[in-house]
Amino acid sequence: RSRAIGNYVYTLSYEYDNWGQGTQV
């Protein structure tokens, strides 16, 4: 998530604007 605010921890998926392709575990 770009433009992060201070020490706020973002836990909701819609708050993020860039995603990787994923890795299987």
mmCIF file of all heavy atoms, coordinates in Angstrom:
data_MODEL
# 
_entry.id   MODEL 
# 
loop_
_atom_site.group_PDB 
_atom_site.id 
_atom_site.type_symbol 
_atom_site.label_atom_id 
_atom_site.label_alt_id 
_atom_site.label_comp_id 
_atom_site.label_asym_id 
_atom_site.label_entity_id 
_atom_site.label_seq_id 
_atom_site.pdbx_PDB_ins_code 
_atom_site.Cartn_x 
_atom_site.Cartn_y 
_atom_site.Cartn_z 
_atom_site.occupancy 
_atom_site.B_iso_or_equiv 
_atom_site.pdbx_formal_charge 
_atom_site.auth_seq_id 
_atom_site.auth_comp_id 
_atom_site.auth_asym_id 
_atom_site.auth_atom_id 
_atom_site.pdbx_PDB_model_num 
ATOM 1   N N   . ARG A 1 1  ? 0.850   -1.171  0.000   1.00 0.00 ? 1  ARG A N   1 
ATOM 2   C CA  . ARG A 1 1  ? 0.000   0.000   0.000   1.00 0.00 ? 1  ARG A CA  1 
ATOM 3   C C   . ARG A 1 1  ? 0.898   1.236   0.000   1.00 0.00 ? 1  ARG A C   1 
ATOM 4   O O   . ARG A 1 1  ? 1.660   1.475   0.946   1.00 0.00 ? 1  ARG A O   1 
ATOM 5   C CB  . ARG A 1 1  ? -0.914  0.044   1.213   1.00 0.00 ? 1  ARG A CB  1 
ATOM 6   C CG  . ARG A 1 1  ? -1.823  1.280   1.177   1.00 0.00 ? 1  ARG A CG  1 
ATOM 7   C CD  . ARG A 1 1  ? -2.290  1.733   2.530   1.00 0.00 ? 1  ARG A CD  1 
ATOM 8   N NE  . ARG A 1 1  ? -2.786  3.083   2.514   1.00 0.00 ? 1  ARG A NE  1 
ATOM 9   C CZ  . ARG A 1 1  ? -4.048  3.414   2.238   1.00 0.00 ? 1  ARG A CZ  1 
ATOM 10  N NH1 . ARG A 1 1  ? -4.933  2.482   1.950   1.00 0.00 ? 1  ARG A NH1 1 
ATOM 11  N NH2 . ARG A 1 1  ? -4.422  4.669   2.261   1.00 0.00 ? 1  ARG A NH2 1 
ATOM 12  N N   . SER A 1 2  ? 0.787   2.011   -1.044  1.00 0.00 ? 2  SER A N   1 
ATOM 13  C CA  . SER A 1 2  ? 1.550   3.251   -1.115  1.00 0.00 ? 2  SER A CA  1 
ATOM 14  C C   . SER A 1 2  ? 0.865   4.321   -0.259  1.00 0.00 ? 2  SER A C   1 
ATOM 15  O O   . SER A 1 2  ? -0.286  4.162   0.156   1.00 0.00 ? 2  SER A O   1 
ATOM 16  C CB  . SER A 1 2  ? 1.656   3.723   -2.566  1.00 0.00 ? 2  SER A CB  1 
ATOM 17  O OG  . SER A 1 2  ? 0.369   3.897   -3.111  1.00 0.00 ? 2  SER A OG  1 
ATOM 18  N N   . ARG A 1 3  ? 1.554   5.382   -0.007  1.00 0.00 ? 3  ARG A N   1 
ATOM 19  C CA  . ARG A 1 3  ? 1.010   6.495   0.801   1.00 0.00 ? 3  ARG A CA  1 
ATOM 20  C C   . ARG A 1 3  ? 0.520   6.003   2.160   1.00 0.00 ? 3  ARG A C   1 
ATOM 21  O O   . ARG A 1 3  ? -0.540  6.386   2.642   1.00 0.00 ? 3  ARG A O   1 
ATOM 22  C CB  . ARG A 1 3  ? -0.120  7.216   0.062   1.00 0.00 ? 3  ARG A CB  1 
ATOM 23  C CG  . ARG A 1 3  ? 0.312   7.786   -1.283  1.00 0.00 ? 3  ARG A CG  1 
ATOM 24  C CD  . ARG A 1 3  ? -0.843  8.483   -2.002  1.00 0.00 ? 3  ARG A CD  1 
ATOM 25  N NE  . ARG A 1 3  ? -1.968  7.616   -2.196  1.00 0.00 ? 3  ARG A NE  1 
ATOM 26  C CZ  . ARG A 1 3  ? -2.080  6.762   -3.187  1.00 0.00 ? 3  ARG A CZ  1 
ATOM 27  N NH1 . ARG A 1 3  ? -1.111  6.639   -4.060  1.00 0.00 ? 3  ARG A NH1 1 
ATOM 28  N NH2 . ARG A 1 3  ? -3.160  6.012   -3.313  1.00 0.00 ? 3  ARG A NH2 1 
ATOM 29  N N   . ALA A 1 4  ? 1.327   5.123   2.750   1.00 0.00 ? 4  ALA A N   1 
ATOM 30  C CA  . ALA A 1 4  ? 0.964   4.611   4.080   1.00 0.00 ? 4  ALA A CA  1 
ATOM 31  C C   . ALA A 1 4  ? 1.062   5.736   5.108   1.00 0.00 ? 4  ALA A C   1 
ATOM 32  O O   . ALA A 1 4  ? 1.915   6.620   5.004   1.00 0.00 ? 4  ALA A O   1 
ATOM 33  C CB  . ALA A 1 4  ? 1.885   3.468   4.465   1.00 0.00 ? 4  ALA A CB  1 
ATOM 34  N N   . ILE A 1 5  ? 0.178   5.682   6.092   1.00 0.00 ? 5  ILE A N   1 
ATOM 35  C CA  . ILE A 1 5  ? 0.107   6.722   7.111   1.00 0.00 ? 5  ILE A CA  1 
ATOM 36  C C   . ILE A 1 5  ? 0.778   6.248   8.387   1.00 0.00 ? 5  ILE A C   1 
ATOM 37  O O   . ILE A 1 5  ? 0.354   5.260   8.988   1.00 0.00 ? 5  ILE A O   1 
ATOM 38  C CB  . ILE A 1 5  ? -1.358  7.091   7.413   1.00 0.00 ? 5  ILE A CB  1 
ATOM 39  C CG1 . ILE A 1 5  ? -2.028  7.646   6.154   1.00 0.00 ? 5  ILE A CG1 1 
ATOM 40  C CG2 . ILE A 1 5  ? -1.435  8.098   8.562   1.00 0.00 ? 5  ILE A CG2 1 
ATOM 41  C CD1 . ILE A 1 5  ? -3.504  7.915   6.322   1.00 0.00 ? 5  ILE A CD1 1 
ATOM 42  N N   . GLY A 1 6  ? 1.837   6.932   8.767   1.00 0.00 ? 6  GLY A N   1 
ATOM 43  C CA  . GLY A 1 6  ? 2.482   6.714   10.043  1.00 0.00 ? 6  GLY A CA  1 
ATOM 44  C C   . GLY A 1 6  ? 2.665   5.268   10.410  1.00 0.00 ? 6  GLY A C   1 
ATOM 45  O O   . GLY A 1 6  ? 3.177   4.464   9.635   1.00 0.00 ? 6  GLY A O   1 
ATOM 46  N N   . ASN A 1 7  ? 2.205   4.902   11.595  1.00 0.00 ? 7  ASN A N   1 
ATOM 47  C CA  . ASN A 1 7  ? 2.343   3.549   12.099  1.00 0.00 ? 7  ASN A CA  1 
ATOM 48  C C   . ASN A 1 7  ? 1.039   2.766   12.007  1.00 0.00 ? 7  ASN A C   1 
ATOM 49  O O   . ASN A 1 7  ? 0.835   1.814   12.752  1.00 0.00 ? 7  ASN A O   1 
ATOM 50  C CB  . ASN A 1 7  ? 2.831   3.569   13.548  1.00 0.00 ? 7  ASN A CB  1 
ATOM 51  C CG  . ASN A 1 7  ? 4.321   3.782   13.626  1.00 0.00 ? 7  ASN A CG  1 
ATOM 52  O OD1 . ASN A 1 7  ? 5.050   3.332   12.749  1.00 0.00 ? 7  ASN A OD1 1 
ATOM 53  N ND2 . ASN A 1 7  ? 4.768   4.464   14.650  1.00 0.00 ? 7  ASN A ND2 1 
ATOM 54  N N   . TYR A 1 8  ? 0.196   3.161   11.070  1.00 0.00 ? 8  TYR A N   1 
ATOM 55  C CA  . TYR A 1 8  ? -1.063  2.438   10.886  1.00 0.00 ? 8  TYR A CA  1 
ATOM 56  C C   . TYR A 1 8  ? -0.800  1.108   10.198  1.00 0.00 ? 8  TYR A C   1 
ATOM 57  O O   . TYR A 1 8  ? -0.073  1.048   9.203   1.00 0.00 ? 8  TYR A O   1 
ATOM 58  C CB  . TYR A 1 8  ? -2.031  3.273   10.053  1.00 0.00 ? 8  TYR A CB  1 
ATOM 59  C CG  . TYR A 1 8  ? -3.410  2.682   9.965   1.00 0.00 ? 8  TYR A CG  1 
ATOM 60  C CD1 . TYR A 1 8  ? -4.328  2.844   10.999  1.00 0.00 ? 8  TYR A CD1 1 
ATOM 61  C CD2 . TYR A 1 8  ? -3.805  1.951   8.855   1.00 0.00 ? 8  TYR A CD2 1 
ATOM 62  C CE1 . TYR A 1 8  ? -5.592  2.295   10.930  1.00 0.00 ? 8  TYR A CE1 1 
ATOM 63  C CE2 . TYR A 1 8  ? -5.068  1.400   8.777   1.00 0.00 ? 8  TYR A CE2 1 
ATOM 64  C CZ  . TYR A 1 8  ? -5.952  1.583   9.811   1.00 0.00 ? 8  TYR A CZ  1 
ATOM 65  O OH  . TYR A 1 8  ? -7.203  1.022   9.746   1.00 0.00 ? 8  TYR A OH  1 
ATOM 66  N N   . VAL A 1 9  ? -1.392  0.057   10.717  1.00 0.00 ? 9  VAL A N   1 
ATOM 67  C CA  . VAL A 1 9  ? -1.249  -1.271  10.137  1.00 0.00 ? 9  VAL A CA  1 
ATOM 68  C C   . VAL A 1 9  ? -2.516  -1.581  9.346   1.00 0.00 ? 9  VAL A C   1 
ATOM 69  O O   . VAL A 1 9  ? -3.608  -1.608  9.906   1.00 0.00 ? 9  VAL A O   1 
ATOM 70  C CB  . VAL A 1 9  ? -1.036  -2.336  11.233  1.00 0.00 ? 9  VAL A CB  1 
ATOM 71  C CG1 . VAL A 1 9  ? -0.867  -3.714  10.590  1.00 0.00 ? 9  VAL A CG1 1 
ATOM 72  C CG2 . VAL A 1 9  ? 0.189   -2.003  12.075  1.00 0.00 ? 9  VAL A CG2 1 
ATOM 73  N N   . TYR A 1 10 ? -2.370  -1.803  8.071   1.00 0.00 ? 10 TYR A N   1 
ATOM 74  C CA  . TYR A 1 10 ? -3.512  -2.033  7.182   1.00 0.00 ? 10 TYR A CA  1 
ATOM 75  C C   . TYR A 1 10 ? -3.787  -3.532  7.087   1.00 0.00 ? 10 TYR A C   1 
ATOM 76  O O   . TYR A 1 10 ? -2.907  -4.302  6.719   1.00 0.00 ? 10 TYR A O   1 
ATOM 77  C CB  . TYR A 1 10 ? -3.212  -1.470  5.792   1.00 0.00 ? 10 TYR A CB  1 
ATOM 78  C CG  . TYR A 1 10 ? -3.006  0.024   5.779   1.00 0.00 ? 10 TYR A CG  1 
ATOM 79  C CD1 . TYR A 1 10 ? -1.754  0.578   6.002   1.00 0.00 ? 10 TYR A CD1 1 
ATOM 80  C CD2 . TYR A 1 10 ? -4.073  0.893   5.556   1.00 0.00 ? 10 TYR A CD2 1 
ATOM 81  C CE1 . TYR A 1 10 ? -1.562  1.947   6.001   1.00 0.00 ? 10 TYR A CE1 1 
ATOM 82  C CE2 . TYR A 1 10 ? -3.889  2.263   5.549   1.00 0.00 ? 10 TYR A CE2 1 
ATOM 83  C CZ  . TYR A 1 10 ? -2.639  2.782   5.779   1.00 0.00 ? 10 TYR A CZ  1 
ATOM 84  O OH  . TYR A 1 10 ? -2.464  4.133   5.782   1.00 0.00 ? 10 TYR A OH  1 
ATOM 85  N N   . THR A 1 11 ? -5.001  -3.926  7.404   1.00 0.00 ? 11 THR A N   1 
ATOM 86  C CA  . THR A 1 11 ? -5.330  -5.350  7.430   1.00 0.00 ? 11 THR A CA  1 
ATOM 87  C C   . THR A 1 11 ? -6.451  -5.757  6.480   1.00 0.00 ? 11 THR A C   1 
ATOM 88  O O   . THR A 1 11 ? -6.824  -6.928  6.444   1.00 0.00 ? 11 THR A O   1 
ATOM 89  C CB  . THR A 1 11 ? -5.722  -5.784  8.861   1.00 0.00 ? 11 THR A CB  1 
ATOM 90  O OG1 . THR A 1 11 ? -6.860  -5.030  9.276   1.00 0.00 ? 11 THR A OG1 1 
ATOM 91  C CG2 . THR A 1 11 ? -4.567  -5.554  9.839   1.00 0.00 ? 11 THR A CG2 1 
ATOM 92  N N   . LEU A 1 12 ? -6.961  -4.826  5.709   1.00 0.00 ? 12 LEU A N   1 
ATOM 93  C CA  . LEU A 1 12 ? -8.052  -5.127  4.789   1.00 0.00 ? 12 LEU A CA  1 
ATOM 94  C C   . LEU A 1 12 ? -7.528  -5.143  3.363   1.00 0.00 ? 12 LEU A C   1 
ATOM 95  O O   . LEU A 1 12 ? -6.762  -4.263  2.969   1.00 0.00 ? 12 LEU A O   1 
ATOM 96  C CB  . LEU A 1 12 ? -9.171  -4.100  4.934   1.00 0.00 ? 12 LEU A CB  1 
ATOM 97  C CG  . LEU A 1 12 ? -9.763  -3.995  6.330   1.00 0.00 ? 12 LEU A CG  1 
ATOM 98  C CD1 . LEU A 1 12 ? -10.782 -2.857  6.397   1.00 0.00 ? 12 LEU A CD1 1 
ATOM 99  C CD2 . LEU A 1 12 ? -10.401 -5.303  6.750   1.00 0.00 ? 12 LEU A CD2 1 
ATOM 100 N N   . SER A 1 13 ? -7.961  -6.112  2.581   1.00 0.00 ? 13 SER A N   1 
ATOM 101 C CA  . SER A 1 13 ? -7.398  -6.285  1.249   1.00 0.00 ? 13 SER A CA  1 
ATOM 102 C C   . SER A 1 13 ? -7.634  -5.072  0.359   1.00 0.00 ? 13 SER A C   1 
ATOM 103 O O   . SER A 1 13 ? -6.767  -4.717  -0.458  1.00 0.00 ? 13 SER A O   1 
ATOM 104 C CB  . SER A 1 13 ? -7.965  -7.546  0.584   1.00 0.00 ? 13 SER A CB  1 
ATOM 105 O OG  . SER A 1 13 ? -9.369  -7.479  0.486   1.00 0.00 ? 13 SER A OG  1 
ATOM 106 N N   . TYR A 1 14 ? -8.773  -4.385  0.516   1.00 0.00 ? 14 TYR A N   1 
ATOM 107 C CA  . TYR A 1 14 ? -9.059  -3.258  -0.371  1.00 0.00 ? 14 TYR A CA  1 
ATOM 108 C C   . TYR A 1 14 ? -8.161  -2.053  -0.071  1.00 0.00 ? 14 TYR A C   1 
ATOM 109 O O   . TYR A 1 14 ? -8.103  -1.107  -0.856  1.00 0.00 ? 14 TYR A O   1 
ATOM 110 C CB  . TYR A 1 14 ? -10.533 -2.852  -0.299  1.00 0.00 ? 14 TYR A CB  1 
ATOM 111 C CG  . TYR A 1 14 ? -10.967 -2.196  0.992   1.00 0.00 ? 14 TYR A CG  1 
ATOM 112 C CD1 . TYR A 1 14 ? -10.733 -0.844  1.223   1.00 0.00 ? 14 TYR A CD1 1 
ATOM 113 C CD2 . TYR A 1 14 ? -11.633 -2.917  1.968   1.00 0.00 ? 14 TYR A CD2 1 
ATOM 114 C CE1 . TYR A 1 14 ? -11.137 -0.235  2.400   1.00 0.00 ? 14 TYR A CE1 1 
ATOM 115 C CE2 . TYR A 1 14 ? -12.036 -2.316  3.158   1.00 0.00 ? 14 TYR A CE2 1 
ATOM 116 C CZ  . TYR A 1 14 ? -11.793 -0.982  3.368   1.00 0.00 ? 14 TYR A CZ  1 
ATOM 117 O OH  . TYR A 1 14 ? -12.184 -0.389  4.530   1.00 0.00 ? 14 TYR A OH  1 
ATOM 118 N N   . GLU A 1 15 ? -7.461  -2.097  1.042   1.00 0.00 ? 15 GLU A N   1 
ATOM 119 C CA  . GLU A 1 15 ? -6.560  -0.999  1.388   1.00 0.00 ? 15 GLU A CA  1 
ATOM 120 C C   . GLU A 1 15 ? -5.230  -1.089  0.634   1.00 0.00 ? 15 GLU A C   1 
ATOM 121 O O   . GLU A 1 15 ? -4.435  -0.160  0.686   1.00 0.00 ? 15 GLU A O   1 
ATOM 122 C CB  . GLU A 1 15 ? -6.304  -1.002  2.902   1.00 0.00 ? 15 GLU A CB  1 
ATOM 123 C CG  . GLU A 1 15 ? -7.552  -0.699  3.723   1.00 0.00 ? 15 GLU A CG  1 
ATOM 124 C CD  . GLU A 1 15 ? -7.321  -0.790  5.215   1.00 0.00 ? 15 GLU A CD  1 
ATOM 125 O OE1 . GLU A 1 15 ? -6.728  -1.805  5.679   1.00 0.00 ? 15 GLU A OE1 1 
ATOM 126 O OE2 . GLU A 1 15 ? -7.728  0.138   5.943   1.00 0.00 ? 15 GLU A OE2 1 
ATOM 127 N N   . TYR A 1 16 ? -5.011  -2.182  -0.069  1.00 0.00 ? 16 TYR A N   1 
ATOM 128 C CA  . TYR A 1 16 ? -3.754  -2.380  -0.784  1.00 0.00 ? 16 TYR A CA  1 
ATOM 129 C C   . TYR A 1 16 ? -3.942  -2.151  -2.270  1.00 0.00 ? 16 TYR A C   1 
ATOM 130 O O   . TYR A 1 16 ? -4.969  -2.520  -2.839  1.00 0.00 ? 16 TYR A O   1 
ATOM 131 C CB  . TYR A 1 16 ? -3.222  -3.792  -0.530  1.00 0.00 ? 16 TYR A CB  1 
ATOM 132 C CG  . TYR A 1 16 ? -2.706  -3.949  0.883   1.00 0.00 ? 16 TYR A CG  1 
ATOM 133 C CD1 . TYR A 1 16 ? -3.569  -4.254  1.933   1.00 0.00 ? 16 TYR A CD1 1 
ATOM 134 C CD2 . TYR A 1 16 ? -1.360  -3.765  1.173   1.00 0.00 ? 16 TYR A CD2 1 
ATOM 135 C CE1 . TYR A 1 16 ? -3.101  -4.363  3.231   1.00 0.00 ? 16 TYR A CE1 1 
ATOM 136 C CE2 . TYR A 1 16 ? -0.879  -3.889  2.470   1.00 0.00 ? 16 TYR A CE2 1 
ATOM 137 C CZ  . TYR A 1 16 ? -1.763  -4.177  3.495   1.00 0.00 ? 16 TYR A CZ  1 
ATOM 138 O OH  . TYR A 1 16 ? -1.297  -4.278  4.777   1.00 0.00 ? 16 TYR A OH  1 
ATOM 139 N N   . ASP A 1 17 ? -2.935  -1.550  -2.906  1.00 0.00 ? 17 ASP A N   1 
ATOM 140 C CA  . ASP A 1 17 ? -3.083  -1.208  -4.317  1.00 0.00 ? 17 ASP A CA  1 
ATOM 141 C C   . ASP A 1 17 ? -2.125  -1.940  -5.243  1.00 0.00 ? 17 ASP A C   1 
ATOM 142 O O   . ASP A 1 17 ? -2.180  -1.753  -6.453  1.00 0.00 ? 17 ASP A O   1 
ATOM 143 C CB  . ASP A 1 17 ? -2.955  0.311   -4.525  1.00 0.00 ? 17 ASP A CB  1 
ATOM 144 C CG  . ASP A 1 17 ? -1.847  0.939   -3.689  1.00 0.00 ? 17 ASP A CG  1 
ATOM 145 O OD1 . ASP A 1 17 ? -0.852  0.241   -3.393  1.00 0.00 ? 17 ASP A OD1 1 
ATOM 146 O OD2 . ASP A 1 17 ? -1.974  2.118   -3.335  1.00 0.00 ? 17 ASP A OD2 1 
ATOM 147 N N   . ASN A 1 18 ? -1.260  -2.773  -4.691  1.00 0.00 ? 18 ASN A N   1 
ATOM 148 C CA  . ASN A 1 18 ? -0.380  -3.589  -5.537  1.00 0.00 ? 18 ASN A CA  1 
ATOM 149 C C   . ASN A 1 18 ? -0.304  -4.994  -4.947  1.00 0.00 ? 18 ASN A C   1 
ATOM 150 O O   . ASN A 1 18 ? -0.140  -5.154  -3.728  1.00 0.00 ? 18 ASN A O   1 
ATOM 151 C CB  . ASN A 1 18 ? 1.026   -2.983  -5.611  1.00 0.00 ? 18 ASN A CB  1 
ATOM 152 C CG  . ASN A 1 18 ? 1.070   -1.739  -6.456  1.00 0.00 ? 18 ASN A CG  1 
ATOM 153 O OD1 . ASN A 1 18 ? 1.028   -1.809  -7.682  1.00 0.00 ? 18 ASN A OD1 1 
ATOM 154 N ND2 . ASN A 1 18 ? 1.124   -0.590  -5.818  1.00 0.00 ? 18 ASN A ND2 1 
ATOM 155 N N   . TRP A 1 19 ? -0.386  -5.976  -5.825  1.00 0.00 ? 19 TRP A N   1 
ATOM 156 C CA  . TRP A 1 19 ? -0.406  -7.373  -5.406  1.00 0.00 ? 19 TRP A CA  1 
ATOM 157 C C   . TRP A 1 19 ? 0.569   -8.202  -6.222  1.00 0.00 ? 19 TRP A C   1 
ATOM 158 O O   . TRP A 1 19 ? 0.772   -7.947  -7.413  1.00 0.00 ? 19 TRP A O   1 
ATOM 159 C CB  . TRP A 1 19 ? -1.808  -7.960  -5.580  1.00 0.00 ? 19 TRP A CB  1 
ATOM 160 C CG  . TRP A 1 19 ? -2.813  -7.385  -4.659  1.00 0.00 ? 19 TRP A CG  1 
ATOM 161 C CD1 . TRP A 1 19 ? -3.488  -6.202  -4.805  1.00 0.00 ? 19 TRP A CD1 1 
ATOM 162 C CD2 . TRP A 1 19 ? -3.253  -7.936  -3.414  1.00 0.00 ? 19 TRP A CD2 1 
ATOM 163 N NE1 . TRP A 1 19 ? -4.322  -5.993  -3.732  1.00 0.00 ? 19 TRP A NE1 1 
ATOM 164 C CE2 . TRP A 1 19 ? -4.198  -7.040  -2.864  1.00 0.00 ? 19 TRP A CE2 1 
ATOM 165 C CE3 . TRP A 1 19 ? -2.947  -9.103  -2.706  1.00 0.00 ? 19 TRP A CE3 1 
ATOM 166 C CZ2 . TRP A 1 19 ? -4.835  -7.277  -1.646  1.00 0.00 ? 19 TRP A CZ2 1 
ATOM 167 C CZ3 . TRP A 1 19 ? -3.578  -9.343  -1.505  1.00 0.00 ? 19 TRP A CZ3 1 
ATOM 168 C CH2 . TRP A 1 19 ? -4.511  -8.435  -0.976  1.00 0.00 ? 19 TRP A CH2 1 
ATOM 169 N N   . GLY A 1 20 ? 1.160   -9.193  -5.568  1.00 0.00 ? 20 GLY A N   1 
ATOM 170 C CA  . GLY A 1 20 ? 1.954   -10.175 -6.276  1.00 0.00 ? 20 GLY A CA  1 
ATOM 171 C C   . GLY A 1 20 ? 1.067   -11.258 -6.864  1.00 0.00 ? 20 GLY A C   1 
ATOM 172 O O   . GLY A 1 20 ? -0.158  -11.246 -6.676  1.00 0.00 ? 20 GLY A O   1 
ATOM 173 N N   . GLN A 1 21 ? 1.692   -12.187 -7.553  1.00 0.00 ? 21 GLN A N   1 
ATOM 174 C CA  . GLN A 1 21 ? 0.964   -13.269 -8.209  1.00 0.00 ? 21 GLN A CA  1 
ATOM 175 C C   . GLN A 1 21 ? 0.652   -14.426 -7.272  1.00 0.00 ? 21 GLN A C   1 
ATOM 176 O O   . GLN A 1 21 ? -0.198  -15.265 -7.583  1.00 0.00 ? 21 GLN A O   1 
ATOM 177 C CB  . GLN A 1 21 ? 1.756   -13.788 -9.408  1.00 0.00 ? 21 GLN A CB  1 
ATOM 178 C CG  . GLN A 1 21 ? 1.898   -12.766 -10.532 1.00 0.00 ? 21 GLN A CG  1 
ATOM 179 C CD  . GLN A 1 21 ? 0.542   -12.359 -11.070 1.00 0.00 ? 21 GLN A CD  1 
ATOM 180 O OE1 . GLN A 1 21 ? -0.260  -13.193 -11.482 1.00 0.00 ? 21 GLN A OE1 1 
ATOM 181 N NE2 . GLN A 1 21 ? 0.275   -11.057 -11.077 1.00 0.00 ? 21 GLN A NE2 1 
ATOM 182 N N   . GLY A 1 22 ? 1.317   -14.482 -6.160  1.00 0.00 ? 22 GLY A N   1 
ATOM 183 C CA  . GLY A 1 22 ? 1.041   -15.527 -5.184  1.00 0.00 ? 22 GLY A CA  1 
ATOM 184 C C   . GLY A 1 22 ? 2.022   -16.684 -5.262  1.00 0.00 ? 22 GLY A C   1 
ATOM 185 O O   . GLY A 1 22 ? 2.611   -16.950 -6.312  1.00 0.00 ? 22 GLY A O   1 
ATOM 186 N N   . THR A 1 23 ? 2.176   -17.359 -4.145  1.00 0.00 ? 23 THR A N   1 
ATOM 187 C CA  . THR A 1 23 ? 3.011   -18.553 -4.073  1.00 0.00 ? 23 THR A CA  1 
ATOM 188 C C   . THR A 1 23 ? 2.264   -19.610 -3.258  1.00 0.00 ? 23 THR A C   1 
ATOM 189 O O   . THR A 1 23 ? 1.671   -19.295 -2.221  1.00 0.00 ? 23 THR A O   1 
ATOM 190 C CB  . THR A 1 23 ? 4.393   -18.240 -3.458  1.00 0.00 ? 23 THR A CB  1 
ATOM 191 O OG1 . THR A 1 23 ? 5.218   -19.400 -3.508  1.00 0.00 ? 23 THR A OG1 1 
ATOM 192 C CG2 . THR A 1 23 ? 4.298   -17.755 -2.019  1.00 0.00 ? 23 THR A CG2 1 
ATOM 193 N N   . GLN A 1 24 ? 2.285   -20.830 -3.747  1.00 0.00 ? 24 GLN A N   1 
ATOM 194 C CA  . GLN A 1 24 ? 1.532   -21.906 -3.118  1.00 0.00 ? 24 GLN A CA  1 
ATOM 195 C C   . GLN A 1 24 ? 2.283   -22.467 -1.919  1.00 0.00 ? 24 GLN A C   1 
ATOM 196 O O   . GLN A 1 24 ? 3.469   -22.792 -2.010  1.00 0.00 ? 24 GLN A O   1 
ATOM 197 C CB  . GLN A 1 24 ? 1.272   -23.025 -4.117  1.00 0.00 ? 24 GLN A CB  1 
ATOM 198 C CG  . GLN A 1 24 ? 0.549   -24.243 -3.539  1.00 0.00 ? 24 GLN A CG  1 
ATOM 199 C CD  . GLN A 1 24 ? -0.898  -23.970 -3.207  1.00 0.00 ? 24 GLN A CD  1 
ATOM 200 O OE1 . GLN A 1 24 ? -1.632  -23.376 -4.006  1.00 0.00 ? 24 GLN A OE1 1 
ATOM 201 N NE2 . GLN A 1 24 ? -1.339  -24.404 -2.023  1.00 0.00 ? 24 GLN A NE2 1 
ATOM 202 N N   . VAL A 1 25 ? 1.572   -22.596 -0.822  1.00 0.00 ? 25 VAL A N   1 
ATOM 203 C CA  . VAL A 1 25 ? 2.092   -23.268 0.369   1.00 0.00 ? 25 VAL A CA  1 
ATOM 204 C C   . VAL A 1 25 ? 1.170   -24.450 0.653   1.00 0.00 ? 25 VAL A C   1 
ATOM 205 O O   . VAL A 1 25 ? -0.038  -24.269 0.803   1.00 0.00 ? 25 VAL A O   1 
ATOM 206 C CB  . VAL A 1 25 ? 2.138   -22.330 1.584   1.00 0.00 ? 25 VAL A CB  1 
ATOM 207 C CG1 . VAL A 1 25 ? 2.483   -23.107 2.854   1.00 0.00 ? 25 VAL A CG1 1 
ATOM 208 C CG2 . VAL A 1 25 ? 3.148   -21.213 1.351   1.00 0.00 ? 25 VAL A CG2 1 
# 
